Amino acid sequence: MPNLCETCPIATKIDICCSSNPETGTAKEARLVKDGYSTFVCNSLQSDGSCGIYDERPEDCSSFVCEEIYALGLGAQRE
């Protein structure tokens, strides 16, 4: 079963957590074909919405808490 981050829509990732690399601030331009607009995304965000450096991702990414998942009741309860 995929984790919740893997099933999150790419548009949501861009708005919430993957708009740039948290350590370097770098981003690349990406055109969202379905929505028809260009935006900037983390250099490691792949066109399928996955993280290209997931195993070596920055600490800010690995420790990120997605409040949207909890608001939707999809994540484990926070302590």
N, C-alpha and C. Protein backbone atom coordinates (compact mmCIF):
# COMPACT_ATOMS: atom_id res chain seq x y z
N MET A 1 0.84 -1.19 0.00
CA MET A 1 0.00 0.00 0.00
C MET A 1 0.89 1.25 0.00
N PRO A 2 0.64 2.19 -0.91
CA PRO A 2 1.48 3.40 -0.97
C PRO A 2 1.23 4.28 0.25
N ASN A 3 2.26 5.06 0.61
CA ASN A 3 2.05 5.98 1.73
C ASN A 3 1.24 7.17 1.25
N LEU A 4 0.72 7.95 2.18
CA LEU A 4 -0.17 9.05 1.84
C LEU A 4 0.51 10.13 1.00
N CYS A 5 1.80 10.34 1.22
CA CYS A 5 2.52 11.33 0.43
C CYS A 5 2.57 10.91 -1.04
N GLU A 6 2.73 9.62 -1.28
CA GLU A 6 2.79 9.13 -2.66
C GLU A 6 1.47 9.31 -3.38
N THR A 7 0.36 9.30 -2.67
CA THR A 7 -0.94 9.43 -3.31
C THR A 7 -1.46 10.87 -3.33
N CYS A 8 -0.73 11.79 -2.74
CA CYS A 8 -1.12 13.19 -2.71
C CYS A 8 -1.01 13.78 -4.12
N PRO A 9 -2.01 14.53 -4.59
CA PRO A 9 -1.94 15.15 -5.92
C PRO A 9 -0.77 16.12 -6.02
N ILE A 10 -0.15 16.15 -7.18
CA ILE A 10 1.02 17.00 -7.37
C ILE A 10 0.69 18.48 -7.14
N ALA A 11 -0.49 18.92 -7.51
CA ALA A 11 -0.88 20.32 -7.29
C ALA A 11 -0.89 20.65 -5.80
N THR A 12 -1.32 19.71 -4.98
CA THR A 12 -1.32 19.91 -3.53
C THR A 12 0.11 19.97 -3.01
N LYS A 13 0.96 19.08 -3.51
CA LYS A 13 2.37 19.09 -3.09
C LYS A 13 3.02 20.43 -3.39
N ILE A 14 2.74 20.97 -4.56
CA ILE A 14 3.33 22.25 -4.94
C ILE A 14 2.86 23.35 -3.99
N ASP A 15 1.59 23.35 -3.63
CA ASP A 15 1.04 24.37 -2.74
C ASP A 15 1.53 24.24 -1.31
N ILE A 16 1.74 23.00 -0.83
CA ILE A 16 2.01 22.79 0.58
C ILE A 16 3.48 22.52 0.91
N CYS A 17 4.13 21.66 0.15
CA CYS A 17 5.43 21.20 0.64
C CYS A 17 6.56 21.08 -0.38
N CYS A 18 6.29 21.05 -1.66
CA CYS A 18 7.35 20.75 -2.63
C CYS A 18 7.59 21.86 -3.64
N SER A 19 7.43 23.11 -3.23
CA SER A 19 7.61 24.21 -4.17
C SER A 19 9.08 24.58 -4.37
N SER A 20 9.95 24.19 -3.43
CA SER A 20 11.39 24.43 -3.58
C SER A 20 12.13 23.52 -2.61
N ASN A 21 13.43 23.37 -2.84
CA ASN A 21 14.26 22.60 -1.93
C ASN A 21 14.39 23.39 -0.63
N PRO A 22 14.05 22.82 0.51
CA PRO A 22 14.08 23.58 1.76
C PRO A 22 15.48 23.98 2.22
N GLU A 23 16.50 23.26 1.78
CA GLU A 23 17.88 23.59 2.18
C GLU A 23 18.50 24.66 1.30
N THR A 24 18.25 24.57 -0.01
CA THR A 24 18.91 25.48 -0.95
C THR A 24 17.98 26.54 -1.51
N GLY A 25 16.67 26.32 -1.42
CA GLY A 25 15.71 27.25 -1.99
C GLY A 25 15.60 27.15 -3.50
N THR A 26 16.31 26.19 -4.10
CA THR A 26 16.28 26.05 -5.56
C THR A 26 14.98 25.42 -6.03
N ALA A 27 14.61 25.77 -7.24
CA ALA A 27 13.39 25.24 -7.84
C ALA A 27 13.57 25.23 -9.35
N LYS A 28 12.73 24.45 -10.00
CA LYS A 28 12.74 24.41 -11.46
C LYS A 28 11.35 24.74 -11.96
N GLU A 29 11.27 25.28 -13.16
CA GLU A 29 9.96 25.59 -13.72
C GLU A 29 9.31 24.31 -14.20
N ALA A 30 8.04 24.17 -13.94
CA ALA A 30 7.29 22.99 -14.37
C ALA A 30 5.96 23.45 -14.94
N ARG A 31 5.57 22.82 -16.02
CA ARG A 31 4.27 23.13 -16.62
C ARG A 31 3.31 22.01 -16.27
N LEU A 32 2.24 22.36 -15.62
CA LEU A 32 1.22 21.39 -15.25
C LEU A 32 0.24 21.28 -16.42
N VAL A 33 0.41 20.24 -17.19
CA VAL A 33 -0.36 20.06 -18.42
C VAL A 33 -1.86 20.05 -18.15
N LYS A 34 -2.28 19.31 -17.16
CA LYS A 34 -3.71 19.19 -16.87
C LYS A 34 -4.33 20.55 -16.53
N ASP A 35 -3.58 21.34 -15.73
CA ASP A 35 -4.11 22.62 -15.29
C ASP A 35 -3.73 23.77 -16.22
N GLY A 36 -2.74 23.53 -17.10
CA GLY A 36 -2.37 24.51 -18.10
C GLY A 36 -1.60 25.72 -17.60
N TYR A 37 -0.91 25.62 -16.50
CA TYR A 37 -0.11 26.75 -16.04
C TYR A 37 1.29 26.29 -15.66
N SER A 38 2.21 27.26 -15.64
CA SER A 38 3.57 26.98 -15.23
C SER A 38 3.76 27.44 -13.79
N THR A 39 4.60 26.73 -13.07
CA THR A 39 4.89 27.06 -11.69
C THR A 39 6.30 26.60 -11.39
N PHE A 40 6.75 26.81 -10.19
CA PHE A 40 8.07 26.35 -9.79
C PHE A 40 7.94 25.26 -8.74
N VAL A 41 8.78 24.24 -8.88
CA VAL A 41 8.74 23.10 -7.96
C VAL A 41 10.17 22.75 -7.53
N CYS A 42 10.27 21.99 -6.47
CA CYS A 42 11.56 21.50 -6.01
C CYS A 42 12.26 20.77 -7.15
N ASN A 43 13.56 20.95 -7.27
CA ASN A 43 14.33 20.29 -8.32
C ASN A 43 14.21 18.77 -8.26
N SER A 44 13.88 18.23 -7.10
CA SER A 44 13.82 16.77 -6.93
C SER A 44 12.43 16.20 -7.17
N LEU A 45 11.43 17.05 -7.34
CA LEU A 45 10.08 16.57 -7.59
C LEU A 45 9.98 16.05 -9.03
N GLN A 46 9.61 14.80 -9.16
CA GLN A 46 9.51 14.16 -10.47
C GLN A 46 8.14 14.44 -11.10
N SER A 47 8.04 14.24 -12.40
CA SER A 47 6.79 14.54 -13.10
C SER A 47 5.62 13.68 -12.63
N ASP A 48 5.91 12.53 -12.01
CA ASP A 48 4.84 11.69 -11.49
C ASP A 48 4.46 12.06 -10.05
N GLY A 49 5.09 13.09 -9.50
CA GLY A 49 4.79 13.54 -8.15
C GLY A 49 5.64 12.91 -7.07
N SER A 50 6.54 12.02 -7.46
CA SER A 50 7.41 11.38 -6.47
C SER A 50 8.66 12.22 -6.22
N CYS A 51 9.34 11.92 -5.15
CA CYS A 51 10.58 12.61 -4.79
C CYS A 51 11.75 11.82 -5.37
N GLY A 52 12.57 12.48 -6.18
CA GLY A 52 13.70 11.82 -6.82
C GLY A 52 14.85 11.51 -5.88
N ILE A 53 14.84 12.11 -4.69
CA ILE A 53 15.91 11.86 -3.71
C ILE A 53 15.32 11.42 -2.38
N TYR A 54 14.22 10.69 -2.42
CA TYR A 54 13.48 10.35 -1.21
C TYR A 54 14.37 9.75 -0.12
N ASP A 55 15.23 8.79 -0.46
CA ASP A 55 16.07 8.14 0.55
C ASP A 55 17.10 9.09 1.15
N GLU A 56 17.49 10.14 0.42
CA GLU A 56 18.48 11.10 0.91
C GLU A 56 17.89 12.50 1.08
N ARG A 57 16.57 12.60 1.16
CA ARG A 57 15.92 13.91 1.21
C ARG A 57 16.36 14.72 2.43
N PRO A 58 16.30 16.05 2.33
CA PRO A 58 16.72 16.91 3.43
C PRO A 58 15.90 16.67 4.70
N GLU A 59 16.47 16.99 5.83
CA GLU A 59 15.82 16.82 7.13
C GLU A 59 14.47 17.55 7.18
N ASP A 60 14.42 18.74 6.60
CA ASP A 60 13.15 19.50 6.60
C ASP A 60 12.04 18.72 5.89
N CYS A 61 12.41 17.94 4.89
CA CYS A 61 11.41 17.14 4.17
C CYS A 61 11.02 15.90 4.99
N SER A 62 12.00 15.22 5.53
CA SER A 62 11.71 13.98 6.26
C SER A 62 10.97 14.24 7.56
N SER A 63 11.12 15.43 8.13
CA SER A 63 10.44 15.73 9.39
C SER A 63 9.16 16.55 9.18
N PHE A 64 8.82 16.84 7.93
CA PHE A 64 7.64 17.64 7.62
C PHE A 64 6.38 16.93 8.09
N VAL A 65 5.52 17.65 8.76
CA VAL A 65 4.24 17.11 9.21
C VAL A 65 3.14 17.74 8.35
N CYS A 66 2.47 16.92 7.59
CA CYS A 66 1.42 17.41 6.70
C CYS A 66 0.12 17.56 7.48
N GLU A 67 -0.22 18.78 7.79
CA GLU A 67 -1.44 19.05 8.54
C GLU A 67 -2.69 18.66 7.75
N GLU A 68 -2.60 18.71 6.42
CA GLU A 68 -3.76 18.37 5.59
C GLU A 68 -4.15 16.91 5.77
N ILE A 69 -3.16 16.03 5.89
CA ILE A 69 -3.45 14.61 6.11
C ILE A 69 -4.22 14.43 7.42
N TYR A 70 -3.78 15.13 8.47
CA TYR A 70 -4.47 15.00 9.75
C TYR A 70 -5.85 15.63 9.70
N ALA A 71 -5.98 16.74 9.00
CA ALA A 71 -7.28 17.41 8.90
C ALA A 71 -8.29 16.53 8.18
N LEU A 72 -7.81 15.73 7.24
CA LEU A 72 -8.70 14.83 6.51
C LEU A 72 -8.93 13.52 7.26
N GLY A 73 -8.24 13.35 8.40
CA GLY A 73 -8.38 12.12 9.17
C GLY A 73 -7.70 10.93 8.54
N LEU A 74 -6.70 11.18 7.69
CA LEU A 74 -6.04 10.10 6.99
C LEU A 74 -4.74 9.64 7.64
N GLY A 75 -4.18 10.44 8.53
CA GLY A 75 -2.92 10.08 9.16
C GLY A 75 -3.12 9.53 10.55
N ALA A 76 -2.06 8.97 11.09
CA ALA A 76 -2.11 8.49 12.47
C ALA A 76 -2.33 9.70 13.40
N GLN A 77 -2.93 9.46 14.50
CA GLN A 77 -3.20 10.54 15.45
C GLN A 77 -1.88 11.11 15.95
N ARG A 78 -1.80 12.43 16.01
CA ARG A 78 -0.59 13.10 16.51
C ARG A 78 -0.62 13.07 18.03
N GLU A 79 0.56 12.96 18.59
CA GLU A 79 0.66 12.96 20.06
C GLU A 79 0.95 14.34 20.57
